[in-house]
Amino acid sequence: MAHRTFTITLPADTVYHQLYGQMLLVTGAIPTDGILPDRVQELVMQADSTNTGTVTVSDNNNANTSGQILNALDFFTRRSMRNTICLKEFYVKGSVNSQKFVVDIDSL
């Protein structure tokens, strides 16, 4: 897999959800070869322009950190030139129900 882009709509709640778990729920996210890697070279997320609230990106330690807050059209980007980024370590939540964001991943 080289590159994938898709939109995620968070559940109608305001609790943290594992990013990779949410990716697996998107229709068409799993490519035809049946593999959606949990490690990538690049992760880009952009909050949807129609969001009325925010999307917060955090890690498993979200009880002790506020994470990065994305307003509508804000970006969250992580790149790795040597190692990989583990998508299972990222958690997301909306400040109000059903916030959307676009996920763009790139791997070798």
C-alpha atoms as a PDB file:
ATOM      1  CA  MET A   1       0.000   0.000   0.000  1.00  0.00           C
ATOM      2  CA  ALA A   2       1.392   3.367  -0.922  1.00  0.00           C
ATOM      3  CA  HIS A   3      -1.288   5.973  -0.291  1.00  0.00           C
ATOM      4  CA  ARG A   4      -4.861   6.063   1.071  1.00  0.00           C
ATOM      5  CA  THR A   5      -7.277   8.932   1.791  1.00  0.00           C
ATOM      6  CA  PHE A   6     -10.723   8.682   3.367  1.00  0.00           C
ATOM      7  CA  THR A   7     -13.147  10.542   5.628  1.00  0.00           C
ATOM      8  CA  ILE A   8     -13.983   9.454   9.167  1.00  0.00           C
ATOM      9  CA  THR A   9     -17.109  10.520  11.031  1.00  0.00           C
ATOM     10  CA  LEU A  10     -16.674  10.097  14.770  1.00  0.00           C
ATOM     11  CA  PRO A  11     -19.449   8.375  16.734  1.00  0.00           C
ATOM     12  CA  ALA A  12     -22.176  10.503  18.303  1.00  0.00           C
ATOM     13  CA  ASP A  13     -20.325  10.964  21.587  1.00  0.00           C
ATOM     14  CA  THR A  14     -17.446  12.986  22.994  1.00  0.00           C
ATOM     15  CA  VAL A  15     -15.084  10.239  24.203  1.00  0.00           C
ATOM     16  CA  TYR A  16     -11.707   9.190  22.797  1.00  0.00           C
ATOM     17  CA  HIS A  17     -11.644   6.520  20.087  1.00  0.00           C
ATOM     18  CA  GLN A  18      -8.571   4.756  18.723  1.00  0.00           C
ATOM     19  CA  LEU A  19      -7.770   6.191  15.288  1.00  0.00           C
ATOM     20  CA  TYR A  20      -6.916   2.824  13.714  1.00  0.00           C
ATOM     21  CA  GLY A  21     -10.164   1.290  14.996  1.00  0.00           C
ATOM     22  CA  GLN A  22     -12.135   4.144  13.438  1.00  0.00           C
ATOM     23  CA  MET A  23     -10.258   3.698  10.171  1.00  0.00           C
ATOM     24  CA  LEU A  24     -11.277   0.043  10.003  1.00  0.00           C
ATOM     25  CA  LEU A  25     -14.950   1.048  10.225  1.00  0.00           C
ATOM     26  CA  VAL A  26     -14.844   3.199   7.073  1.00  0.00           C
ATOM     27  CA  THR A  27     -16.402   1.521   4.039  1.00  0.00           C
ATOM     28  CA  GLY A  28     -13.659   1.094   1.465  1.00  0.00           C
ATOM     29  CA  ALA A  29     -10.803   1.867   3.856  1.00  0.00           C
ATOM     30  CA  ILE A  30      -9.468  -1.673   3.656  1.00  0.00           C
ATOM     31  CA  PRO A  31      -7.916  -2.060   0.210  1.00  0.00           C
ATOM     32  CA  THR A  32      -8.701  -4.948  -2.114  1.00  0.00           C
ATOM     33  CA  ASP A  33      -5.650  -6.881  -0.917  1.00  0.00           C
ATOM     34  CA  GLY A  34      -7.277  -6.923   2.530  1.00  0.00           C
ATOM     35  CA  ILE A  35      -4.512  -5.106   4.382  1.00  0.00           C
ATOM     36  CA  LEU A  36      -4.774  -1.724   6.069  1.00  0.00           C
ATOM     37  CA  PRO A  37      -1.402  -1.226   7.760  1.00  0.00           C
ATOM     38  CA  ASP A  38      -1.229   0.086  11.294  1.00  0.00           C
ATOM     39  CA  ARG A  39       2.195   1.622  10.622  1.00  0.00           C
ATOM     40  CA  VAL A  40       2.835   4.376   8.097  1.00  0.00           C
ATOM     41  CA  GLN A  41       5.521   6.872   7.065  1.00  0.00           C
ATOM     42  CA  GLU A  42       3.152   9.837   7.010  1.00  0.00           C
ATOM     43  CA  LEU A  43      -0.127  10.702   8.723  1.00  0.00           C
ATOM     44  CA  VAL A  44      -2.107  13.823   7.822  1.00  0.00           C
ATOM     45  CA  MET A  45      -5.494  14.631   9.323  1.00  0.00           C
ATOM     46  CA  GLN A  46      -7.683  17.607   8.443  1.00  0.00           C
ATOM     47  CA  ALA A  47     -10.847  18.586  10.299  1.00  0.00           C
ATOM     48  CA  ASP A  48     -13.870  18.913   8.028  1.00  0.00           C
ATOM     49  CA  SER A  49     -14.998  22.400   7.011  1.00  0.00           C
ATOM     50  CA  THR A  50     -18.576  21.692   8.180  1.00  0.00           C
ATOM     51  CA  ASN A  51     -17.602  20.798  11.760  1.00  0.00           C
ATOM     52  CA  THR A  52     -19.379  22.882  14.383  1.00  0.00           C
ATOM     53  CA  GLY A  53     -16.971  21.756  17.088  1.00  0.00           C
ATOM     54  CA  THR A  54     -13.383  20.573  17.286  1.00  0.00           C
ATOM     55  CA  VAL A  55     -11.533  17.286  16.832  1.00  0.00           C
ATOM     56  CA  THR A  56      -8.883  16.478  19.442  1.00  0.00           C
ATOM     57  CA  VAL A  57      -5.937  14.249  18.556  1.00  0.00           C
ATOM     58  CA  SER A  58      -4.138  12.636  21.481  1.00  0.00           C
ATOM     59  CA  ASP A  59      -2.285   9.505  22.532  1.00  0.00           C
ATOM     60  CA  ASN A  60      -3.112   6.698  24.953  1.00  0.00           C
ATOM     61  CA  ASN A  61      -2.212   9.066  27.811  1.00  0.00           C
ATOM     62  CA  ASN A  62      -5.213  11.286  26.984  1.00  0.00           C
ATOM     63  CA  ALA A  63      -6.309  11.435  30.627  1.00  0.00           C
ATOM     64  CA  ASN A  64      -3.182  13.483  31.368  1.00  0.00           C
ATOM     65  CA  THR A  65      -2.852  15.694  28.293  1.00  0.00           C
ATOM     66  CA  SER A  66      -5.136  17.958  26.326  1.00  0.00           C
ATOM     67  CA  GLY A  67      -3.854  16.755  22.939  1.00  0.00           C
ATOM     68  CA  GLN A  68      -3.886  18.833  19.782  1.00  0.00           C
ATOM     69  CA  ILE A  69      -7.196  20.544  19.034  1.00  0.00           C
ATOM     70  CA  LEU A  70      -8.260  20.894  15.402  1.00  0.00           C
ATOM     71  CA  ASN A  71     -10.811  23.512  14.423  1.00  0.00           C
ATOM     72  CA  ALA A  72     -12.533  23.290  11.028  1.00  0.00           C
ATOM     73  CA  LEU A  73      -9.922  22.915   8.246  1.00  0.00           C
ATOM     74  CA  ASP A  74      -6.976  22.653  10.707  1.00  0.00           C
ATOM     75  CA  PHE A  75      -4.264  20.082   9.937  1.00  0.00           C
ATOM     76  CA  PHE A  76      -2.444  17.510  12.095  1.00  0.00           C
ATOM     77  CA  THR A  77       0.679  16.092  10.420  1.00  0.00           C
ATOM     78  CA  ARG A  78       3.268  13.520  11.471  1.00  0.00           C
ATOM     79  CA  ARG A  79       6.099  12.290   9.232  1.00  0.00           C
ATOM     80  CA  SER A  80       8.846   9.789   9.811  1.00  0.00           C
ATOM     81  CA  MET A  81      11.838   9.387   7.529  1.00  0.00           C
ATOM     82  CA  ARG A  82      13.442   6.478   9.393  1.00  0.00           C
ATOM     83  CA  ASN A  83      10.922   4.678  11.542  1.00  0.00           C
ATOM     84  CA  THR A  84       7.193   4.215  11.162  1.00  0.00           C
ATOM     85  CA  ILE A  85       4.254   5.901  12.867  1.00  0.00           C
ATOM     86  CA  CYS A  86       1.946   3.498  14.699  1.00  0.00           C
ATOM     87  CA  LEU A  87      -1.669   4.483  14.038  1.00  0.00           C
ATOM     88  CA  LYS A  88      -2.843   2.437  17.026  1.00  0.00           C
ATOM     89  CA  GLU A  89      -1.183   4.986  19.327  1.00  0.00           C
ATOM     90  CA  PHE A  90      -3.398   7.871  18.201  1.00  0.00           C
ATOM     91  CA  TYR A  91      -6.806   8.632  19.729  1.00  0.00           C
ATOM     92  CA  VAL A  92      -9.407  11.107  18.499  1.00  0.00           C
ATOM     93  CA  LYS A  93     -12.553  12.679  19.909  1.00  0.00           C
ATOM     94  CA  GLY A  94     -15.021  15.350  18.911  1.00  0.00           C
ATOM     95  CA  SER A  95     -16.090  18.205  21.155  1.00  0.00           C
ATOM     96  CA  VAL A  96     -19.660  17.639  19.965  1.00  0.00           C
ATOM     97  CA  ASN A  97     -21.363  14.672  18.288  1.00  0.00           C
ATOM     98  CA  SER A  98     -20.343  13.285  14.896  1.00  0.00           C
ATOM     99  CA  GLN A  99     -17.374  15.466  13.933  1.00  0.00           C
ATOM    100  CA  LYS A 100     -15.649  14.585  10.639  1.00  0.00           C
ATOM    101  CA  PHE A 101     -12.046  14.601   9.485  1.00  0.00           C
ATOM    102  CA  VAL A 102     -10.046  13.404   6.507  1.00  0.00           C
ATOM    103  CA  VAL A 103      -7.199  10.942   7.066  1.00  0.00           C
ATOM    104  CA  ASP A 104      -4.372  10.747   4.550  1.00  0.00           C
ATOM    105  CA  ILE A 105      -1.763   8.006   5.098  1.00  0.00           C
ATOM    106  CA  ASP A 106       1.313   7.130   3.120  1.00  0.00           C
ATOM    107  CA  SER A 107       3.577   4.122   3.535  1.00  0.00           C
ATOM    108  CA  LEU A 108       6.128   2.129   1.590  1.00  0.00           C
END
